[in-house]
Amino acid sequence: MKNKLMLIGMAMVLMTMACGLPSLGRLNPTPTLTPTPDMSWQWFEGGQMRIMLPPTWIERDVTEDMPQILETIKAFFGNDTNFLTDLINDFEGNVAWWGFDGGSPAVYPTRLLVVHNSTFAKLPISMISGMIRMFGGSSADSIESSTVELSDYEMAKFTQLTEKAGWVAYAFKAEGQLWVAIFMTTPANLAAQAEDFKDAMDTIMIEPAN
């Protein structure tokens, strides 16, 4: 289990490169829904998070699928890390939503994982940058990054495409948490579904904790 947690650590830090950009947060404190191109899209909810996705998406049980989640992260991010275990606490409790697109190829369907973490939200930019230098290596060089404004949030977007897999992650801060939504798919699907990923993130809302 310890090794699995370290895999999670690597994935979380890859995505928390969002913290390295100047300001990641809510641009407008009042959430507003941006209409999607296809109004058949449906709301999915997890914890404080709400997001619209095409009707082909299927929500999965996080507890039941935890082994699969860990294996998915391992497949996409590898396991070359050994120093992040202490930064990961209650990963299952930090998963807001997990599911897959039933309309994508059944052999390897597109997956979406949404996580939040209060500890990472408090880390200074200098520490995040240092962690990236420690583990990134050549893999970090292949990650494309940009800043986007979606659903009234300023987000850091990261994309990586390899011969076997592709992923795009959106990271932003809201309600005292670092939120990361990561779409994982095949290289062909990454290009084909890129607009859907962006449209989905343009509907995401983080509600105040009760």
C-alpha atoms as a PDB file:
ATOM      1  CA  MET A   1       0.000   0.000   0.000  1.00  0.00           C
ATOM      2  CA  LYS A   2       2.900   2.325   0.748  1.00  0.00           C
ATOM      3  CA  ASN A   3       4.195   1.979  -2.792  1.00  0.00           C
ATOM      4  CA  LYS A   4       0.741   2.698  -4.161  1.00  0.00           C
ATOM      5  CA  LEU A   5       0.526   5.877  -2.140  1.00  0.00           C
ATOM      6  CA  MET A   6       3.849   6.979  -3.563  1.00  0.00           C
ATOM      7  CA  LEU A   7       2.417   6.520  -7.065  1.00  0.00           C
ATOM      8  CA  ILE A   8      -0.426   8.801  -6.107  1.00  0.00           C
ATOM      9  CA  GLY A   9       2.113  11.308  -4.840  1.00  0.00           C
ATOM     10  CA  MET A  10       3.812  11.465  -8.184  1.00  0.00           C
ATOM     11  CA  ALA A  11       0.539  11.987 -10.015  1.00  0.00           C
ATOM     12  CA  MET A  12      -0.619  14.688  -7.628  1.00  0.00           C
ATOM     13  CA  VAL A  13       2.624  16.651  -7.884  1.00  0.00           C
ATOM     14  CA  LEU A  14       2.667  16.407 -11.672  1.00  0.00           C
ATOM     15  CA  MET A  15      -0.706  18.035 -11.682  1.00  0.00           C
ATOM     16  CA  THR A  16       0.020  20.519  -8.929  1.00  0.00           C
ATOM     17  CA  MET A  17       2.420  22.294 -11.238  1.00  0.00           C
ATOM     18  CA  ALA A  18      -0.565  24.570 -11.500  1.00  0.00           C
ATOM     19  CA  CYS A  19       0.646  26.200  -8.292  1.00  0.00           C
ATOM     20  CA  GLY A  20       3.703  27.480 -10.153  1.00  0.00           C
ATOM     21  CA  LEU A  21       1.656  30.034 -12.077  1.00  0.00           C
ATOM     22  CA  PRO A  22       1.147  33.521 -10.600  1.00  0.00           C
ATOM     23  CA  SER A  23      -2.495  33.381  -9.569  1.00  0.00           C
ATOM     24  CA  LEU A  24      -4.825  30.421  -9.637  1.00  0.00           C
ATOM     25  CA  GLY A  25      -8.225  31.047  -8.163  1.00  0.00           C
ATOM     26  CA  ARG A  26     -11.748  32.197  -8.591  1.00  0.00           C
ATOM     27  CA  LEU A  27     -12.011  35.255 -10.812  1.00  0.00           C
ATOM     28  CA  ASN A  28     -15.644  35.819  -9.883  1.00  0.00           C
ATOM     29  CA  PRO A  29     -16.974  34.658  -6.505  1.00  0.00           C
ATOM     30  CA  THR A  30     -20.422  33.948  -7.977  1.00  0.00           C
ATOM     31  CA  PRO A  31     -20.556  30.680  -9.994  1.00  0.00           C
ATOM     32  CA  THR A  32     -22.136  30.981 -13.425  1.00  0.00           C
ATOM     33  CA  LEU A  33     -23.044  28.101 -15.685  1.00  0.00           C
ATOM     34  CA  THR A  34     -21.626  28.285 -19.185  1.00  0.00           C
ATOM     35  CA  PRO A  35     -23.920  26.494 -21.675  1.00  0.00           C
ATOM     36  CA  THR A  36     -22.342  23.550 -23.442  1.00  0.00           C
ATOM     37  CA  PRO A  37     -22.658  23.003 -27.203  1.00  0.00           C
ATOM     38  CA  ASP A  38     -24.888  19.979 -26.575  1.00  0.00           C
ATOM     39  CA  MET A  39     -27.613  20.599 -24.006  1.00  0.00           C
ATOM     40  CA  SER A  40     -28.105  16.871 -23.525  1.00  0.00           C
ATOM     41  CA  TRP A  41     -25.086  17.000 -21.234  1.00  0.00           C
ATOM     42  CA  GLN A  42     -25.787  16.008 -17.648  1.00  0.00           C
ATOM     43  CA  TRP A  43     -24.707  17.182 -14.222  1.00  0.00           C
ATOM     44  CA  PHE A  44     -22.476  14.923 -12.160  1.00  0.00           C
ATOM     45  CA  GLU A  45     -21.672  15.710  -8.536  1.00  0.00           C
ATOM     46  CA  GLY A  46     -19.031  14.689  -6.042  1.00  0.00           C
ATOM     47  CA  GLY A  47     -18.504  16.377  -2.690  1.00  0.00           C
ATOM     48  CA  GLN A  48     -18.350  20.128  -3.293  1.00  0.00           C
ATOM     49  CA  MET A  49     -17.850  19.672  -7.030  1.00  0.00           C
ATOM     50  CA  ARG A  50     -20.352  19.772  -9.898  1.00  0.00           C
ATOM     51  CA  ILE A  51     -19.491  19.239 -13.566  1.00  0.00           C
ATOM     52  CA  MET A  52     -21.406  18.665 -16.807  1.00  0.00           C
ATOM     53  CA  LEU A  53     -20.426  15.776 -19.066  1.00  0.00           C
ATOM     54  CA  PRO A  54     -21.927  14.080 -22.127  1.00  0.00           C
ATOM     55  CA  PRO A  55     -24.634  11.504 -21.320  1.00  0.00           C
ATOM     56  CA  THR A  56     -22.291   8.668 -22.275  1.00  0.00           C
ATOM     57  CA  TRP A  57     -20.266   9.262 -19.097  1.00  0.00           C
ATOM     58  CA  ILE A  58     -20.700   6.819 -16.213  1.00  0.00           C
ATOM     59  CA  GLU A  59     -19.849   7.559 -12.590  1.00  0.00           C
ATOM     60  CA  ARG A  60     -18.027   4.830 -10.697  1.00  0.00           C
ATOM     61  CA  ASP A  61     -17.752   4.015  -7.007  1.00  0.00           C
ATOM     62  CA  VAL A  62     -14.422   5.333  -5.710  1.00  0.00           C
ATOM     63  CA  THR A  63     -14.069   2.787  -2.913  1.00  0.00           C
ATOM     64  CA  GLU A  64     -14.847  -0.168  -5.160  1.00  0.00           C
ATOM     65  CA  ASP A  65     -12.560   1.078  -7.936  1.00  0.00           C
ATOM     66  CA  MET A  66      -9.624   2.225  -5.809  1.00  0.00           C
ATOM     67  CA  PRO A  67      -7.305  -0.576  -7.060  1.00  0.00           C
ATOM     68  CA  GLN A  68      -8.206   0.351 -10.648  1.00  0.00           C
ATOM     69  CA  ILE A  69      -7.616   4.041  -9.956  1.00  0.00           C
ATOM     70  CA  LEU A  70      -4.165   3.258  -8.591  1.00  0.00           C
ATOM     71  CA  GLU A  71      -3.321   1.054 -11.572  1.00  0.00           C
ATOM     72  CA  THR A  72      -4.547   3.740 -13.982  1.00  0.00           C
ATOM     73  CA  ILE A  73      -2.331   6.354 -12.372  1.00  0.00           C
ATOM     74  CA  LYS A  74       0.598   3.950 -12.455  1.00  0.00           C
ATOM     75  CA  ALA A  75       0.019   3.278 -16.154  1.00  0.00           C
ATOM     76  CA  PHE A  76      -0.020   6.975 -17.005  1.00  0.00           C
ATOM     77  CA  PHE A  77       2.575   8.362 -14.629  1.00  0.00           C
ATOM     78  CA  GLY A  78       4.913   5.458 -13.892  1.00  0.00           C
ATOM     79  CA  ASN A  79       6.370   4.615 -10.492  1.00  0.00           C
ATOM     80  CA  ASP A  80       9.740   6.333 -10.394  1.00  0.00           C
ATOM     81  CA  THR A  81       9.324   8.211  -7.119  1.00  0.00           C
ATOM     82  CA  ASN A  82      10.203   7.553  -3.492  1.00  0.00           C
ATOM     83  CA  PHE A  83       9.932  10.789  -1.524  1.00  0.00           C
ATOM     84  CA  LEU A  84       6.292  11.887  -1.559  1.00  0.00           C
ATOM     85  CA  THR A  85       4.597   9.386   0.744  1.00  0.00           C
ATOM     86  CA  ASP A  86       4.309  11.802   3.654  1.00  0.00           C
ATOM     87  CA  LEU A  87       2.471  14.319   1.477  1.00  0.00           C
ATOM     88  CA  ILE A  88      -0.370  11.916   0.696  1.00  0.00           C
ATOM     89  CA  ASN A  89      -3.036  11.439   3.314  1.00  0.00           C
ATOM     90  CA  ASP A  90      -6.452   9.822   2.835  1.00  0.00           C
ATOM     91  CA  PHE A  91      -6.264   9.789  -0.952  1.00  0.00           C
ATOM     92  CA  GLU A  92      -9.584   7.990  -1.222  1.00  0.00           C
ATOM     93  CA  GLY A  93     -11.179  10.756   0.830  1.00  0.00           C
ATOM     94  CA  ASN A  94      -9.699  13.364  -1.507  1.00  0.00           C
ATOM     95  CA  VAL A  95     -11.265  11.906  -4.662  1.00  0.00           C
ATOM     96  CA  ALA A  96     -14.286  14.027  -5.549  1.00  0.00           C
ATOM     97  CA  TRP A  97     -15.298  12.144  -8.685  1.00  0.00           C
ATOM     98  CA  TRP A  98     -14.206   9.170 -10.782  1.00  0.00           C
ATOM     99  CA  GLY A  99     -15.770   7.754 -13.926  1.00  0.00           C
ATOM    100  CA  PHE A 100     -15.372   6.900 -17.594  1.00  0.00           C
ATOM    101  CA  ASP A 101     -16.865   7.698 -20.977  1.00  0.00           C
ATOM    102  CA  GLY A 102     -18.990   4.765 -22.113  1.00  0.00           C
ATOM    103  CA  GLY A 103     -18.977   6.194 -25.619  1.00  0.00           C
ATOM    104  CA  SER A 104     -15.212   5.836 -26.020  1.00  0.00           C
ATOM    105  CA  PRO A 105     -13.506   2.571 -27.048  1.00  0.00           C
ATOM    106  CA  ALA A 106     -14.309  -0.169 -24.532  1.00  0.00           C
ATOM    107  CA  VAL A 107     -10.776  -1.550 -24.509  1.00  0.00           C
ATOM    108  CA  TYR A 108      -9.423   1.628 -22.977  1.00  0.00           C
ATOM    109  CA  PRO A 109     -12.185   4.163 -22.292  1.00  0.00           C
ATOM    110  CA  THR A 110     -11.489   7.788 -21.479  1.00  0.00           C
ATOM    111  CA  ARG A 111     -11.365   8.318 -17.707  1.00  0.00           C
ATOM    112  CA  LEU A 112     -11.834  11.378 -15.520  1.00  0.00           C
ATOM    113  CA  LEU A 113     -10.432  11.732 -12.016  1.00  0.00           C
ATOM    114  CA  VAL A 114     -11.187  14.832  -9.925  1.00  0.00           C
ATOM    115  CA  VAL A 115      -9.232  15.252  -6.703  1.00  0.00           C
ATOM    116  CA  HIS A 116      -8.783  17.986  -4.113  1.00  0.00           C
ATOM    117  CA  ASN A 117      -6.135  18.540  -1.484  1.00  0.00           C
ATOM    118  CA  SER A 118      -5.819  21.240   1.168  1.00  0.00           C
ATOM    119  CA  THR A 119      -2.140  20.544   1.907  1.00  0.00           C
ATOM    120  CA  PHE A 120      -1.027  21.130  -1.668  1.00  0.00           C
ATOM    121  CA  ALA A 121      -3.073  24.328  -1.831  1.00  0.00           C
ATOM    122  CA  LYS A 122      -0.979  25.749   1.008  1.00  0.00           C
ATOM    123  CA  LEU A 123       2.421  24.837  -0.422  1.00  0.00           C
ATOM    124  CA  PRO A 124       4.498  27.835  -1.549  1.00  0.00           C
ATOM    125  CA  ILE A 125       5.376  28.117  -5.200  1.00  0.00           C
ATOM    126  CA  SER A 126       9.068  27.694  -4.454  1.00  0.00           C
ATOM    127  CA  MET A 127       8.462  24.301  -2.833  1.00  0.00           C
ATOM    128  CA  ILE A 128       6.329  23.087  -5.715  1.00  0.00           C
ATOM    129  CA  SER A 129       9.008  24.148  -8.177  1.00  0.00           C
ATOM    130  CA  GLY A 130      11.657  22.334  -6.181  1.00  0.00           C
ATOM    131  CA  MET A 131       9.613  19.136  -6.113  1.00  0.00           C
ATOM    132  CA  ILE A 132       9.151  19.327  -9.861  1.00  0.00           C
ATOM    133  CA  ARG A 133      12.896  19.599 -10.368  1.00  0.00           C
ATOM    134  CA  MET A 134      13.464  16.629  -8.064  1.00  0.00           C
ATOM    135  CA  PHE A 135      11.209  14.186  -9.853  1.00  0.00           C
ATOM    136  CA  GLY A 136      10.476  15.619 -13.287  1.00  0.00           C
ATOM    137  CA  GLY A 137      13.521  14.826 -15.363  1.00  0.00           C
ATOM    138  CA  SER A 138      12.910  14.280 -19.064  1.00  0.00           C
ATOM    139  CA  SER A 139       9.261  13.471 -18.424  1.00  0.00           C
ATOM    140  CA  ALA A 140       8.597  16.986 -17.158  1.00  0.00           C
ATOM    141  CA  ASP A 141      10.092  18.398 -20.361  1.00  0.00           C
ATOM    142  CA  SER A 142       7.383  16.703 -22.435  1.00  0.00           C
ATOM    143  CA  ILE A 143       4.513  18.313 -20.521  1.00  0.00           C
ATOM    144  CA  GLU A 144       2.905  21.291 -22.252  1.00  0.00           C
ATOM    145  CA  SER A 145       1.444  23.956 -19.988  1.00  0.00           C
ATOM    146  CA  SER A 146      -0.721  27.033 -20.371  1.00  0.00           C
ATOM    147  CA  THR A 147      -3.100  29.251 -18.415  1.00  0.00           C
ATOM    148  CA  VAL A 148      -6.804  29.222 -19.272  1.00  0.00           C
ATOM    149  CA  GLU A 149      -9.916  30.859 -17.884  1.00  0.00           C
ATOM    150  CA  LEU A 150     -12.857  28.456 -17.650  1.00  0.00           C
ATOM    151  CA  SER A 151     -16.033  28.609 -15.563  1.00  0.00           C
ATOM    152  CA  ASP A 152     -14.783  31.862 -14.007  1.00  0.00           C
ATOM    153  CA  TYR A 153     -11.677  30.131 -12.634  1.00  0.00           C
ATOM    154  CA  GLU A 154      -8.123  30.790 -13.680  1.00  0.00           C
ATOM    155  CA  MET A 155      -6.654  27.358 -14.321  1.00  0.00           C
ATOM    156  CA  ALA A 156      -3.327  25.863 -15.197  1.00  0.00           C
ATOM    157  CA  LYS A 157      -3.675  23.349 -17.998  1.00  0.00           C
ATOM    158  CA  PHE A 158      -1.145  20.563 -18.535  1.00  0.00           C
ATOM    159  CA  THR A 159      -1.039  18.132 -21.439  1.00  0.00           C
ATOM    160  CA  GLN A 160       1.209  15.179 -22.146  1.00  0.00           C
ATOM    161  CA  LEU A 161       1.065  12.869 -25.137  1.00  0.00           C
ATOM    162  CA  THR A 162       3.104   9.687 -25.506  1.00  0.00           C
ATOM    163  CA  GLU A 163       2.972   6.813 -27.962  1.00  0.00           C
ATOM    164  CA  LYS A 164       0.665   4.804 -25.701  1.00  0.00           C
ATOM    165  CA  ALA A 165      -1.320   7.334 -23.695  1.00  0.00           C
ATOM    166  CA  GLY A 166      -2.336  10.933 -23.302  1.00  0.00           C
ATOM    167  CA  TRP A 167      -3.686  13.092 -20.506  1.00  0.00           C
ATOM    168  CA  VAL A 168      -4.793  16.638 -19.887  1.00  0.00           C
ATOM    169  CA  ALA A 169      -5.061  18.095 -16.393  1.00  0.00           C
ATOM    170  CA  TYR A 170      -6.706  21.283 -15.202  1.00  0.00           C
ATOM    171  CA  ALA A 171      -5.594  22.613 -11.817  1.00  0.00           C
ATOM    172  CA  PHE A 172      -7.052  25.527  -9.872  1.00  0.00           C
ATOM    173  CA  LYS A 173      -7.681  26.710  -6.337  1.00  0.00           C
ATOM    174  CA  ALA A 174     -11.124  27.132  -4.787  1.00  0.00           C
ATOM    175  CA  GLU A 175     -12.590  27.059  -1.284  1.00  0.00           C
ATOM    176  CA  GLY A 176      -9.197  26.570   0.338  1.00  0.00           C
ATOM    177  CA  GLN A 177      -8.351  23.516  -1.755  1.00  0.00           C
ATOM    178  CA  LEU A 178      -6.245  22.677  -4.778  1.00  0.00           C
ATOM    179  CA  TRP A 179      -8.534  20.987  -7.296  1.00  0.00           C
ATOM    180  CA  VAL A 180      -7.240  18.863 -10.164  1.00  0.00           C
ATOM    181  CA  ALA A 181      -9.354  17.325 -12.923  1.00  0.00           C
ATOM    182  CA  ILE A 182      -7.420  14.942 -15.118  1.00  0.00           C
ATOM    183  CA  PHE A 183      -8.719  13.282 -18.273  1.00  0.00           C
ATOM    184  CA  MET A 184      -6.784  10.133 -19.232  1.00  0.00           C
ATOM    185  CA  THR A 185      -7.204   8.474 -22.607  1.00  0.00           C
ATOM    186  CA  THR A 186      -5.497   7.107 -25.712  1.00  0.00           C
ATOM    187  CA  PRO A 187      -3.416   9.371 -27.970  1.00  0.00           C
ATOM    188  CA  ALA A 188      -6.123   9.371 -30.674  1.00  0.00           C
ATOM    189  CA  ASN A 189      -8.902  10.184 -28.215  1.00  0.00           C
ATOM    190  CA  LEU A 190      -6.914  13.022 -26.669  1.00  0.00           C
ATOM    191  CA  ALA A 191      -7.124  14.989 -29.890  1.00  0.00           C
ATOM    192  CA  ALA A 192     -10.672  13.921 -30.730  1.00  0.00           C
ATOM    193  CA  GLN A 193     -12.099  14.803 -27.301  1.00  0.00           C
ATOM    194  CA  ALA A 194     -10.018  17.879 -26.503  1.00  0.00           C
ATOM    195  CA  GLU A 195     -12.939  20.273 -27.047  1.00  0.00           C
ATOM    196  CA  ASP A 196     -15.235  18.134 -24.898  1.00  0.00           C
ATOM    197  CA  PHE A 197     -12.701  18.256 -22.070  1.00  0.00           C
ATOM    198  CA  LYS A 198     -12.516  22.041 -22.323  1.00  0.00           C
ATOM    199  CA  ASP A 199     -16.306  22.398 -22.488  1.00  0.00           C
ATOM    200  CA  ALA A 200     -16.692  20.182 -19.430  1.00  0.00           C
ATOM    201  CA  MET A 201     -14.236  22.269 -17.439  1.00  0.00           C
ATOM    202  CA  ASP A 202     -16.139  25.373 -18.480  1.00  0.00           C
ATOM    203  CA  THR A 203     -19.056  24.100 -16.377  1.00  0.00           C
ATOM    204  CA  ILE A 204     -17.232  22.951 -13.242  1.00  0.00           C
ATOM    205  CA  MET A 205     -18.365  24.501  -9.959  1.00  0.00           C
ATOM    206  CA  ILE A 206     -16.920  24.226  -6.472  1.00  0.00           C
ATOM    207  CA  GLU A 207     -19.453  24.934  -3.751  1.00  0.00           C
ATOM    208  CA  PRO A 208     -18.614  26.119  -0.228  1.00  0.00           C
ATOM    209  CA  ALA A 209     -18.198  23.307   2.285  1.00  0.00           C
ATOM    210  CA  ASN A 210     -21.170  22.770   4.565  1.00  0.00           C
END
